[in-house]
Amino acid sequence: MNRINQQLGQVKWYSDHLQQLQSEPIKAIDNLFAYFPSCVLSGCQVVTTTIKPGLISFVWTDTGVEKTMVVPFDGASGVVFPKYFILEKTNVMRVYENGGSKVFSESYKAVLSDTVPANTPSIQIQSSGATVRLLDAFQSALYRFVTDTEKNTWNAKLAASAYTAADVLAKLLTVDGVGTGLDADLLDGQHITYFATRLPRVSSTASAASVTPNVDNYDAIDITAQAVALAIVNPIGTPGNKQKLLIDILDNGTIRAISWGTAYAAGGTALPTATIATKQMSLVFIYDTTAAKWLLRSNAQTT
């Protein structure tokens, strides 16, 4: 870049000298922002209907040539949004020594427009501000500004290669269990050993006028000395298809009548209507979801 080195004496300055000296710093400033899209470099803040003065960089292609120009914006008031910053050129005229008026310079600046003329660079500005500012232009999919807090957070993260399967398992076990939606080493909240050694859940009673099996909590009903007529009420709970229910009935030596709720039905074996004195009846019911019934599959008595 040329810099004036004025020596003692006299030298004639010509317009091409001035143009050359001017072009170099202007070219350096323009090219500084050539790799970014058109954007607001500074200023141009919006306060209600006023836009403050600022500096804008326009980047565009003119007949296949990439161009960049940094220009001022003088500010505006009473603005109705949205508007567009566009590039405006004005010829500055001067009277030359020969008396003729000629173009002395070309003045470029940003002005507001409601529309964008063809082949003209532009930046939209709304009441919330310009759509593209220099900070936005700097950032892309490859480049992002990061705060010290974000950097420190990332640096404190454990590398994926250092996080072992044992670490993952240890974390899972802290949230494993009933109600978590995980149950990683459990089935319905129970360990596998629960199913391997599980015995039938039995509800026992000596004698009752009515019995209501709870099929969610019990697998078997054991009545050991029935002394009155017995009503087996429809079970409560939510049975699954082919779920088994065992009902053992032994009277106290006197035959007792038995009645059944509508949820019970014969399933190859008729429902008994009375006990057999001093003999235990073992009734095996299987639930059928299609029939929505507890079907009696077998009735065995002690000898």
C-alpha atoms as a PDB file:
ATOM      1  CA  MET A   1       0.000   0.000   0.000  1.00  0.00           C
ATOM      2  CA  ASN A   2       1.398   3.369  -0.987  1.00  0.00           C
ATOM      3  CA  ARG A   3       2.099   5.966   1.706  1.00  0.00           C
ATOM      4  CA  ILE A   4       2.968   9.587   0.969  1.00  0.00           C
ATOM      5  CA  ASN A   5       6.640  10.410   1.623  1.00  0.00           C
ATOM      6  CA  GLN A   6       6.711  14.162   0.965  1.00  0.00           C
ATOM      7  CA  GLN A   7      10.229  15.590   0.529  1.00  0.00           C
ATOM      8  CA  LEU A   8      11.290  19.225   0.733  1.00  0.00           C
ATOM      9  CA  GLY A   9      10.664  20.954  -2.515  1.00  0.00           C
ATOM     10  CA  GLN A  10       7.751  21.158  -4.873  1.00  0.00           C
ATOM     11  CA  VAL A  11       5.892  18.448  -6.724  1.00  0.00           C
ATOM     12  CA  LYS A  12       2.807  18.637  -8.854  1.00  0.00           C
ATOM     13  CA  TRP A  13      -0.141  16.479  -7.755  1.00  0.00           C
ATOM     14  CA  TYR A  14      -2.477  15.105 -10.353  1.00  0.00           C
ATOM     15  CA  SER A  15      -5.916  13.562  -9.974  1.00  0.00           C
ATOM     16  CA  ASP A  16      -4.635  10.103 -10.832  1.00  0.00           C
ATOM     17  CA  HIS A  17      -2.190  10.348  -7.908  1.00  0.00           C
ATOM     18  CA  LEU A  18      -5.040  11.100  -5.521  1.00  0.00           C
ATOM     19  CA  GLN A  19      -7.205   8.363  -7.000  1.00  0.00           C
ATOM     20  CA  GLN A  20      -4.422   5.849  -6.540  1.00  0.00           C
ATOM     21  CA  LEU A  21      -3.811   6.839  -2.921  1.00  0.00           C
ATOM     22  CA  GLN A  22      -7.551   6.752  -2.204  1.00  0.00           C
ATOM     23  CA  SER A  23      -8.206   3.442  -3.909  1.00  0.00           C
ATOM     24  CA  GLU A  24      -5.812   1.422  -1.786  1.00  0.00           C
ATOM     25  CA  PRO A  25      -7.350   2.016   1.684  1.00  0.00           C
ATOM     26  CA  ILE A  26     -10.872   1.814   0.241  1.00  0.00           C
ATOM     27  CA  LYS A  27     -10.010  -1.489  -1.413  1.00  0.00           C
ATOM     28  CA  ALA A  28      -8.559  -2.811   1.863  1.00  0.00           C
ATOM     29  CA  ILE A  29     -11.690  -1.838   3.817  1.00  0.00           C
ATOM     30  CA  ASP A  30     -14.083  -3.291   1.227  1.00  0.00           C
ATOM     31  CA  ASN A  31     -12.156  -6.550   0.861  1.00  0.00           C
ATOM     32  CA  LEU A  32     -12.121  -7.019   4.629  1.00  0.00           C
ATOM     33  CA  PHE A  33     -15.846  -7.880   4.441  1.00  0.00           C
ATOM     34  CA  ALA A  34     -15.888  -9.515   0.996  1.00  0.00           C
ATOM     35  CA  TYR A  35     -16.204 -13.021   2.475  1.00  0.00           C
ATOM     36  CA  PHE A  36     -19.394 -12.180   4.360  1.00  0.00           C
ATOM     37  CA  PRO A  37     -22.911 -11.469   3.083  1.00  0.00           C
ATOM     38  CA  SER A  38     -24.354  -7.973   3.130  1.00  0.00           C
ATOM     39  CA  CYS A  39     -24.655  -6.898   6.765  1.00  0.00           C
ATOM     40  CA  VAL A  40     -24.853  -3.992   9.201  1.00  0.00           C
ATOM     41  CA  LEU A  41     -21.347  -3.348  10.538  1.00  0.00           C
ATOM     42  CA  SER A  42     -22.277  -0.876  13.263  1.00  0.00           C
ATOM     43  CA  GLY A  43     -25.110   1.386  14.381  1.00  0.00           C
ATOM     44  CA  CYS A  44     -28.509   1.295  12.640  1.00  0.00           C
ATOM     45  CA  GLN A  45     -30.258   0.510  15.932  1.00  0.00           C
ATOM     46  CA  VAL A  46     -34.053   0.796  15.857  1.00  0.00           C
ATOM     47  CA  VAL A  47     -35.760   2.981  18.476  1.00  0.00           C
ATOM     48  CA  THR A  48     -39.528   2.880  17.890  1.00  0.00           C
ATOM     49  CA  THR A  49     -39.770   4.468  14.399  1.00  0.00           C
ATOM     50  CA  THR A  50     -36.224   5.850  14.256  1.00  0.00           C
ATOM     51  CA  ILE A  51     -33.165   4.150  12.761  1.00  0.00           C
ATOM     52  CA  LYS A  52     -29.866   5.529  14.021  1.00  0.00           C
ATOM     53  CA  PRO A  53     -26.925   6.249  11.685  1.00  0.00           C
ATOM     54  CA  GLY A  54     -24.533   3.417  11.003  1.00  0.00           C
ATOM     55  CA  LEU A  55     -22.154   1.646   8.671  1.00  0.00           C
ATOM     56  CA  ILE A  56     -23.208  -1.056   6.189  1.00  0.00           C
ATOM     57  CA  SER A  57     -21.342  -3.503   3.973  1.00  0.00           C
ATOM     58  CA  PHE A  58     -22.991  -4.483   0.702  1.00  0.00           C
ATOM     59  CA  VAL A  59     -21.828  -7.569  -1.206  1.00  0.00           C
ATOM     60  CA  TRP A  60     -23.230  -8.418  -4.631  1.00  0.00           C
ATOM     61  CA  THR A  61     -22.425  -9.718  -8.095  1.00  0.00           C
ATOM     62  CA  ASP A  62     -22.432  -7.329 -11.022  1.00  0.00           C
ATOM     63  CA  THR A  63     -22.165  -8.960 -14.483  1.00  0.00           C
ATOM     64  CA  GLY A  64     -20.306 -11.880 -12.989  1.00  0.00           C
ATOM     65  CA  VAL A  65     -17.951  -9.780 -10.865  1.00  0.00           C
ATOM     66  CA  GLU A  66     -18.077 -10.002  -7.065  1.00  0.00           C
ATOM     67  CA  LYS A  67     -18.253  -6.550  -5.502  1.00  0.00           C
ATOM     68  CA  THR A  68     -18.083  -5.273  -1.940  1.00  0.00           C
ATOM     69  CA  MET A  69     -18.653  -1.734  -0.707  1.00  0.00           C
ATOM     70  CA  VAL A  70     -18.716  -0.302   2.816  1.00  0.00           C
ATOM     71  CA  VAL A  71     -20.966   2.764   2.995  1.00  0.00           C
ATOM     72  CA  PRO A  72     -22.550   4.995   5.647  1.00  0.00           C
ATOM     73  CA  PHE A  73     -26.216   5.295   6.535  1.00  0.00           C
ATOM     74  CA  ASP A  74     -27.325   8.741   7.670  1.00  0.00           C
ATOM     75  CA  GLY A  75     -30.216   7.579   9.851  1.00  0.00           C
ATOM     76  CA  ALA A  76     -33.958   8.039   9.435  1.00  0.00           C
ATOM     77  CA  SER A  77     -37.074   8.834  11.481  1.00  0.00           C
ATOM     78  CA  GLY A  78     -40.795   8.202  11.082  1.00  0.00           C
ATOM     79  CA  VAL A  79     -40.032   4.836   9.508  1.00  0.00           C
ATOM     80  CA  VAL A  80     -42.875   2.430   8.678  1.00  0.00           C
ATOM     81  CA  PHE A  81     -41.475  -1.099   8.780  1.00  0.00           C
ATOM     82  CA  PRO A  82     -40.405  -3.274   7.107  1.00  0.00           C
ATOM     83  CA  LYS A  83     -37.865  -1.435   4.954  1.00  0.00           C
ATOM     84  CA  TYR A  84     -34.749  -2.340   2.979  1.00  0.00           C
ATOM     85  CA  PHE A  85     -31.285  -0.835   3.069  1.00  0.00           C
ATOM     86  CA  ILE A  86     -30.162  -0.441  -0.524  1.00  0.00           C
ATOM     87  CA  LEU A  87     -27.087   1.055  -2.148  1.00  0.00           C
ATOM     88  CA  GLU A  88     -27.460   4.508  -3.705  1.00  0.00           C
ATOM     89  CA  LYS A  89     -24.935   6.299  -5.898  1.00  0.00           C
ATOM     90  CA  THR A  90     -24.922  10.073  -6.453  1.00  0.00           C
ATOM     91  CA  ASN A  91     -22.618  11.943  -8.823  1.00  0.00           C
ATOM     92  CA  VAL A  92     -20.936  14.943  -7.173  1.00  0.00           C
ATOM     93  CA  MET A  93     -20.442  17.744  -9.689  1.00  0.00           C
ATOM     94  CA  ARG A  94     -17.696  20.391  -9.646  1.00  0.00           C
ATOM     95  CA  VAL A  95     -16.879  23.390 -11.884  1.00  0.00           C
ATOM     96  CA  TYR A  96     -13.523  22.879 -13.548  1.00  0.00           C
ATOM     97  CA  GLU A  97     -11.035  25.596 -14.556  1.00  0.00           C
ATOM     98  CA  ASN A  98     -12.312  25.573 -18.095  1.00  0.00           C
ATOM     99  CA  GLY A  99     -15.707  26.599 -16.769  1.00  0.00           C
ATOM    100  CA  GLY A 100     -17.398  23.282 -17.435  1.00  0.00           C
ATOM    101  CA  SER A 101     -19.276  21.305 -14.780  1.00  0.00           C
ATOM    102  CA  LYS A 102     -18.171  17.719 -14.594  1.00  0.00           C
ATOM    103  CA  VAL A 103     -18.463  14.711 -12.304  1.00  0.00           C
ATOM    104  CA  PHE A 104     -15.906  15.167  -9.579  1.00  0.00           C
ATOM    105  CA  SER A 105     -16.707  12.057  -7.515  1.00  0.00           C
ATOM    106  CA  GLU A 106     -19.250   9.337  -6.954  1.00  0.00           C
ATOM    107  CA  SER A 107     -20.877   9.368  -3.520  1.00  0.00           C
ATOM    108  CA  TYR A 108     -22.194   6.014  -2.208  1.00  0.00           C
ATOM    109  CA  LYS A 109     -24.418   5.530   0.801  1.00  0.00           C
ATOM    110  CA  ALA A 110     -27.203   3.317   2.132  1.00  0.00           C
ATOM    111  CA  VAL A 111     -30.784   4.569   1.905  1.00  0.00           C
ATOM    112  CA  LEU A 112     -34.167   3.089   2.814  1.00  0.00           C
ATOM    113  CA  SER A 113     -36.540   1.610   0.259  1.00  0.00           C
ATOM    114  CA  ASP A 114     -39.896  -0.156   0.362  1.00  0.00           C
ATOM    115  CA  THR A 115     -38.801  -2.528  -2.399  1.00  0.00           C
ATOM    116  CA  VAL A 116     -35.571  -3.964  -3.747  1.00  0.00           C
ATOM    117  CA  PRO A 117     -34.666  -2.870  -7.301  1.00  0.00           C
ATOM    118  CA  ALA A 118     -33.267  -5.532  -9.600  1.00  0.00           C
ATOM    119  CA  ASN A 119     -29.543  -6.277  -9.317  1.00  0.00           C
ATOM    120  CA  THR A 120     -29.285  -4.159  -6.177  1.00  0.00           C
ATOM    121  CA  PRO A 121     -27.819  -5.434  -2.883  1.00  0.00           C
ATOM    122  CA  SER A 122     -30.148  -5.083   0.074  1.00  0.00           C
ATOM    123  CA  ILE A 123     -30.674  -5.841   3.778  1.00  0.00           C
ATOM    124  CA  GLN A 124     -34.134  -5.987   5.310  1.00  0.00           C
ATOM    125  CA  ILE A 125     -34.737  -4.070   8.526  1.00  0.00           C
ATOM    126  CA  GLN A 126     -37.772  -4.547  10.744  1.00  0.00           C
ATOM    127  CA  SER A 127     -38.952  -2.949  13.972  1.00  0.00           C
ATOM    128  CA  SER A 128     -36.844  -5.545  15.800  1.00  0.00           C
ATOM    129  CA  GLY A 129     -33.709  -4.480  13.892  1.00  0.00           C
ATOM    130  CA  ALA A 130     -31.673  -5.493  10.846  1.00  0.00           C
ATOM    131  CA  THR A 131     -31.999  -9.118   9.772  1.00  0.00           C
ATOM    132  CA  VAL A 132     -28.236  -9.496   9.277  1.00  0.00           C
ATOM    133  CA  ARG A 133     -25.623  -7.850  11.499  1.00  0.00           C
ATOM    134  CA  LEU A 134     -21.889  -8.391  11.485  1.00  0.00           C
ATOM    135  CA  LEU A 135     -22.021 -10.876  14.381  1.00  0.00           C
ATOM    136  CA  ASP A 136     -24.602 -12.921  12.475  1.00  0.00           C
ATOM    137  CA  ALA A 137     -22.489 -12.835   9.325  1.00  0.00           C
ATOM    138  CA  PHE A 138     -19.403 -14.040  11.223  1.00  0.00           C
ATOM    139  CA  GLN A 139     -21.212 -17.152  12.425  1.00  0.00           C
ATOM    140  CA  SER A 140     -22.044 -20.112  10.229  1.00  0.00           C
ATOM    141  CA  ALA A 141     -22.265 -23.900  10.372  1.00  0.00           C
ATOM    142  CA  LEU A 142     -18.458 -23.922  10.570  1.00  0.00           C
ATOM    143  CA  TYR A 143     -17.910 -20.947  12.907  1.00  0.00           C
ATOM    144  CA  ARG A 144     -19.761 -20.095  16.121  1.00  0.00           C
ATOM    145  CA  PHE A 145     -19.067 -17.689  19.003  1.00  0.00           C
ATOM    146  CA  VAL A 146     -18.677 -19.542  22.291  1.00  0.00           C
ATOM    147  CA  THR A 147     -18.713 -18.018  25.771  1.00  0.00           C
ATOM    148  CA  ASP A 148     -16.154 -18.915  28.423  1.00  0.00           C
ATOM    149  CA  THR A 149     -18.925 -20.617  30.403  1.00  0.00           C
ATOM    150  CA  GLU A 150     -19.854 -22.821  27.446  1.00  0.00           C
ATOM    151  CA  LYS A 151     -16.192 -23.615  26.764  1.00  0.00           C
ATOM    152  CA  ASN A 152     -15.589 -24.605  30.402  1.00  0.00           C
ATOM    153  CA  THR A 153     -18.722 -26.786  30.378  1.00  0.00           C
ATOM    154  CA  TRP A 154     -17.569 -28.636  27.278  1.00  0.00           C
ATOM    155  CA  ASN A 155     -14.045 -29.056  28.604  1.00  0.00           C
ATOM    156  CA  ALA A 156     -15.448 -30.648  31.768  1.00  0.00           C
ATOM    157  CA  LYS A 157     -17.349 -33.284  29.807  1.00  0.00           C
ATOM    158  CA  LEU A 158     -16.138 -36.859  30.004  1.00  0.00           C
ATOM    159  CA  ALA A 159     -14.805 -38.160  26.705  1.00  0.00           C
ATOM    160  CA  ALA A 160     -17.006 -40.837  25.135  1.00  0.00           C
ATOM    161  CA  SER A 161     -14.031 -43.189  24.933  1.00  0.00           C
ATOM    162  CA  ALA A 162     -13.553 -42.892  28.705  1.00  0.00           C
ATOM    163  CA  TYR A 163     -17.175 -43.769  29.508  1.00  0.00           C
ATOM    164  CA  THR A 164     -17.321 -47.547  29.818  1.00  0.00           C
ATOM    165  CA  ALA A 165     -20.190 -50.033  29.767  1.00  0.00           C
ATOM    166  CA  ALA A 166     -19.765 -50.391  33.533  1.00  0.00           C
ATOM    167  CA  ASP A 167     -20.321 -46.635  33.896  1.00  0.00           C
ATOM    168  CA  VAL A 168     -23.529 -46.863  31.854  1.00  0.00           C
ATOM    169  CA  LEU A 169     -24.780 -49.817  33.899  1.00  0.00           C
ATOM    170  CA  ALA A 170     -24.059 -48.009  37.160  1.00  0.00           C
ATOM    171  CA  LYS A 171     -26.113 -45.042  35.964  1.00  0.00           C
ATOM    172  CA  LEU A 172     -28.997 -47.243  34.826  1.00  0.00           C
ATOM    173  CA  LEU A 173     -29.175 -49.038  38.138  1.00  0.00           C
ATOM    174  CA  THR A 174     -29.717 -45.734  39.960  1.00  0.00           C
ATOM    175  CA  VAL A 175     -33.054 -45.301  38.152  1.00  0.00           C
ATOM    176  CA  ASP A 176     -34.007 -48.947  37.733  1.00  0.00           C
ATOM    177  CA  GLY A 177     -37.134 -50.276  39.390  1.00  0.00           C
ATOM    178  CA  VAL A 178     -40.912 -50.240  39.497  1.00  0.00           C
ATOM    179  CA  GLY A 179     -42.516 -47.132  38.034  1.00  0.00           C
ATOM    180  CA  THR A 180     -39.382 -45.839  36.292  1.00  0.00           C
ATOM    181  CA  GLY A 181     -40.285 -47.238  32.895  1.00  0.00           C
ATOM    182  CA  LEU A 182     -36.924 -48.979  32.790  1.00  0.00           C
ATOM    183  CA  ASP A 183     -36.835 -52.184  34.920  1.00  0.00           C
ATOM    184  CA  ALA A 184     -33.570 -53.115  33.214  1.00  0.00           C
ATOM    185  CA  ASP A 185     -32.930 -56.197  35.343  1.00  0.00           C
ATOM    186  CA  LEU A 186     -36.516 -56.727  36.532  1.00  0.00           C
ATOM    187  CA  LEU A 187     -39.756 -58.012  35.017  1.00  0.00           C
ATOM    188  CA  ASP A 188     -42.861 -56.198  36.230  1.00  0.00           C
ATOM    189  CA  GLY A 189     -40.799 -55.002  39.179  1.00  0.00           C
ATOM    190  CA  GLN A 190     -39.648 -58.532  40.108  1.00  0.00           C
ATOM    191  CA  HIS A 191     -36.257 -60.150  39.784  1.00  0.00           C
ATOM    192  CA  ILE A 192     -36.011 -63.384  37.776  1.00  0.00           C
ATOM    193  CA  THR A 193     -35.549 -65.369  40.988  1.00  0.00           C
ATOM    194  CA  TYR A 194     -39.064 -64.314  41.986  1.00  0.00           C
ATOM    195  CA  PHE A 195     -40.507 -66.287  39.076  1.00  0.00           C
ATOM    196  CA  ALA A 196     -38.129 -69.233  39.465  1.00  0.00           C
ATOM    197  CA  THR A 197     -39.160 -69.962  43.085  1.00  0.00           C
ATOM    198  CA  ARG A 198     -42.642 -68.437  43.192  1.00  0.00           C
ATOM    199  CA  LEU A 199     -45.326 -70.396  45.056  1.00  0.00           C
ATOM    200  CA  PRO A 200     -49.089 -69.894  44.557  1.00  0.00           C
ATOM    201  CA  ARG A 201     -50.540 -67.007  46.514  1.00  0.00           C
ATOM    202  CA  VAL A 202     -53.255 -68.520  48.707  1.00  0.00           C
ATOM    203  CA  SER A 203     -56.145 -66.832  50.502  1.00  0.00           C
ATOM    204  CA  SER A 204     -57.524 -69.101  53.274  1.00  0.00           C
ATOM    205  CA  THR A 205     -60.740 -68.993  55.257  1.00  0.00           C
ATOM    206  CA  ALA A 206     -62.508 -71.567  57.435  1.00  0.00           C
ATOM    207  CA  SER A 207     -66.078 -70.607  56.573  1.00  0.00           C
ATOM    208  CA  ALA A 208     -67.908 -67.664  55.018  1.00  0.00           C
ATOM    209  CA  ALA A 209     -71.332 -66.942  53.541  1.00  0.00           C
ATOM    210  CA  SER A 210     -69.656 -65.457  50.456  1.00  0.00           C
ATOM    211  CA  VAL A 211     -66.178 -65.409  48.997  1.00  0.00           C
ATOM    212  CA  THR A 212     -64.891 -62.876  46.416  1.00  0.00           C
ATOM    213  CA  PRO A 213     -61.587 -63.995  44.876  1.00  0.00           C
ATOM    214  CA  ASN A 214     -59.064 -61.220  44.161  1.00  0.00           C
ATOM    215  CA  VAL A 215     -57.288 -62.578  41.090  1.00  0.00           C
ATOM    216  CA  ASP A 216     -54.712 -59.792  41.103  1.00  0.00           C
ATOM    217  CA  ASN A 217     -53.451 -60.770  44.547  1.00  0.00           C
ATOM    218  CA  TYR A 218     -54.215 -64.502  44.865  1.00  0.00           C
ATOM    219  CA  ASP A 219     -53.937 -67.640  42.754  1.00  0.00           C
ATOM    220  CA  ALA A 220     -55.868 -69.972  45.073  1.00  0.00           C
ATOM    221  CA  ILE A 221     -58.795 -69.853  47.510  1.00  0.00           C
ATOM    222  CA  ASP A 222     -58.767 -72.404  50.339  1.00  0.00           C
ATOM    223  CA  ILE A 223     -62.019 -72.913  52.301  1.00  0.00           C
ATOM    224  CA  THR A 224     -61.335 -75.439  55.066  1.00  0.00           C
ATOM    225  CA  ALA A 225     -64.574 -75.913  57.142  1.00  0.00           C
ATOM    226  CA  GLN A 226     -67.575 -74.433  55.375  1.00  0.00           C
ATOM    227  CA  ALA A 227     -70.441 -74.270  57.854  1.00  0.00           C
ATOM    228  CA  VAL A 228     -73.108 -72.344  55.881  1.00  0.00           C
ATOM    229  CA  ALA A 229     -74.381 -72.098  52.314  1.00  0.00           C
ATOM    230  CA  LEU A 230     -71.627 -70.630  50.147  1.00  0.00           C
ATOM    231  CA  ALA A 231     -71.836 -67.975  47.411  1.00  0.00           C
ATOM    232  CA  ILE A 232     -68.758 -67.647  45.164  1.00  0.00           C
ATOM    233  CA  VAL A 233     -68.986 -64.031  43.963  1.00  0.00           C
ATOM    234  CA  ASN A 234     -67.509 -62.796  40.678  1.00  0.00           C
ATOM    235  CA  PRO A 235     -63.766 -62.212  41.113  1.00  0.00           C
ATOM    236  CA  ILE A 236     -62.273 -58.752  41.338  1.00  0.00           C
ATOM    237  CA  GLY A 237     -59.100 -57.714  39.540  1.00  0.00           C
ATOM    238  CA  THR A 238     -57.908 -57.794  35.941  1.00  0.00           C
ATOM    239  CA  PRO A 239     -57.316 -61.355  34.768  1.00  0.00           C
ATOM    240  CA  GLY A 240     -55.143 -62.302  31.813  1.00  0.00           C
ATOM    241  CA  ASN A 241     -55.990 -64.832  29.151  1.00  0.00           C
ATOM    242  CA  LYS A 242     -55.425 -68.443  30.392  1.00  0.00           C
ATOM    243  CA  GLN A 243     -54.863 -67.256  33.948  1.00  0.00           C
ATOM    244  CA  LYS A 244     -55.507 -70.034  36.467  1.00  0.00           C
ATOM    245  CA  LEU A 245     -57.636 -69.855  39.629  1.00  0.00           C
ATOM    246  CA  LEU A 246     -57.792 -72.801  42.086  1.00  0.00           C
ATOM    247  CA  ILE A 247     -60.667 -73.010  44.568  1.00  0.00           C
ATOM    248  CA  ASP A 248     -60.552 -75.749  47.268  1.00  0.00           C
ATOM    249  CA  ILE A 249     -63.762 -76.305  49.260  1.00  0.00           C
ATOM    250  CA  LEU A 250     -64.159 -78.589  52.305  1.00  0.00           C
ATOM    251  CA  ASP A 251     -67.279 -78.520  54.448  1.00  0.00           C
ATOM    252  CA  ASN A 252     -67.480 -79.175  58.190  1.00  0.00           C
ATOM    253  CA  GLY A 253     -69.051 -82.573  57.676  1.00  0.00           C
ATOM    254  CA  THR A 254     -72.431 -81.319  56.502  1.00  0.00           C
ATOM    255  CA  ILE A 255     -73.306 -80.773  52.855  1.00  0.00           C
ATOM    256  CA  ARG A 256     -73.532 -77.073  51.997  1.00  0.00           C
ATOM    257  CA  ALA A 257     -75.153 -75.437  48.943  1.00  0.00           C
ATOM    258  CA  ILE A 258     -72.889 -73.572  46.518  1.00  0.00           C
ATOM    259  CA  SER A 259     -73.946 -70.758  44.159  1.00  0.00           C
ATOM    260  CA  TRP A 260     -71.816 -69.083  41.512  1.00  0.00           C
ATOM    261  CA  GLY A 261     -71.515 -65.586  40.089  1.00  0.00           C
ATOM    262  CA  THR A 262     -72.143 -64.987  36.390  1.00  0.00           C
ATOM    263  CA  ALA A 263     -68.387 -64.799  35.672  1.00  0.00           C
ATOM    264  CA  TYR A 264     -68.064 -68.555  36.248  1.00  0.00           C
ATOM    265  CA  ALA A 265     -69.115 -71.129  33.668  1.00  0.00           C
ATOM    266  CA  ALA A 266     -68.724 -74.801  32.858  1.00  0.00           C
ATOM    267  CA  GLY A 267     -65.711 -75.465  30.701  1.00  0.00           C
ATOM    268  CA  GLY A 268     -66.013 -79.192  30.138  1.00  0.00           C
ATOM    269  CA  THR A 269     -66.871 -79.701  33.796  1.00  0.00           C
ATOM    270  CA  ALA A 270     -70.168 -78.647  35.379  1.00  0.00           C
ATOM    271  CA  LEU A 271     -70.189 -76.155  38.222  1.00  0.00           C
ATOM    272  CA  PRO A 272     -70.940 -77.999  41.499  1.00  0.00           C
ATOM    273  CA  THR A 273     -74.047 -76.870  43.363  1.00  0.00           C
ATOM    274  CA  ALA A 274     -73.197 -78.423  46.744  1.00  0.00           C
ATOM    275  CA  THR A 275     -70.285 -79.739  48.736  1.00  0.00           C
ATOM    276  CA  ILE A 276     -69.621 -83.438  49.278  1.00  0.00           C
ATOM    277  CA  ALA A 277     -69.609 -84.142  52.985  1.00  0.00           C
ATOM    278  CA  THR A 278     -66.088 -84.464  54.408  1.00  0.00           C
ATOM    279  CA  LYS A 279     -64.561 -84.500  50.936  1.00  0.00           C
ATOM    280  CA  GLN A 280     -62.401 -81.640  49.595  1.00  0.00           C
ATOM    281  CA  MET A 281     -63.247 -80.426  46.108  1.00  0.00           C
ATOM    282  CA  SER A 282     -60.376 -78.938  44.089  1.00  0.00           C
ATOM    283  CA  LEU A 283     -61.815 -76.773  41.319  1.00  0.00           C
ATOM    284  CA  VAL A 284     -59.465 -75.517  38.563  1.00  0.00           C
ATOM    285  CA  PHE A 285     -60.706 -72.491  36.627  1.00  0.00           C
ATOM    286  CA  ILE A 286     -59.007 -71.013  33.523  1.00  0.00           C
ATOM    287  CA  TYR A 287     -59.902 -67.508  32.366  1.00  0.00           C
ATOM    288  CA  ASP A 288     -60.942 -67.113  28.715  1.00  0.00           C
ATOM    289  CA  THR A 289     -60.803 -63.543  27.407  1.00  0.00           C
ATOM    290  CA  THR A 290     -63.017 -64.309  24.393  1.00  0.00           C
ATOM    291  CA  ALA A 291     -65.842 -65.607  26.573  1.00  0.00           C
ATOM    292  CA  ALA A 292     -64.912 -63.248  29.423  1.00  0.00           C
ATOM    293  CA  LYS A 293     -65.540 -66.173  31.766  1.00  0.00           C
ATOM    294  CA  TRP A 294     -63.750 -68.313  34.324  1.00  0.00           C
ATOM    295  CA  LEU A 295     -64.221 -71.770  32.829  1.00  0.00           C
ATOM    296  CA  LEU A 296     -64.173 -74.794  35.146  1.00  0.00           C
ATOM    297  CA  ARG A 297     -61.738 -77.279  33.611  1.00  0.00           C
ATOM    298  CA  SER A 298     -61.570 -79.892  36.347  1.00  0.00           C
ATOM    299  CA  ASN A 299     -63.188 -80.939  39.650  1.00  0.00           C
ATOM    300  CA  ALA A 300     -61.259 -83.415  41.752  1.00  0.00           C
ATOM    301  CA  GLN A 301     -62.396 -84.745  45.138  1.00  0.00           C
ATOM    302  CA  THR A 302     -60.476 -86.451  47.907  1.00  0.00           C
ATOM    303  CA  THR A 303     -61.372 -90.053  48.520  1.00  0.00           C
END
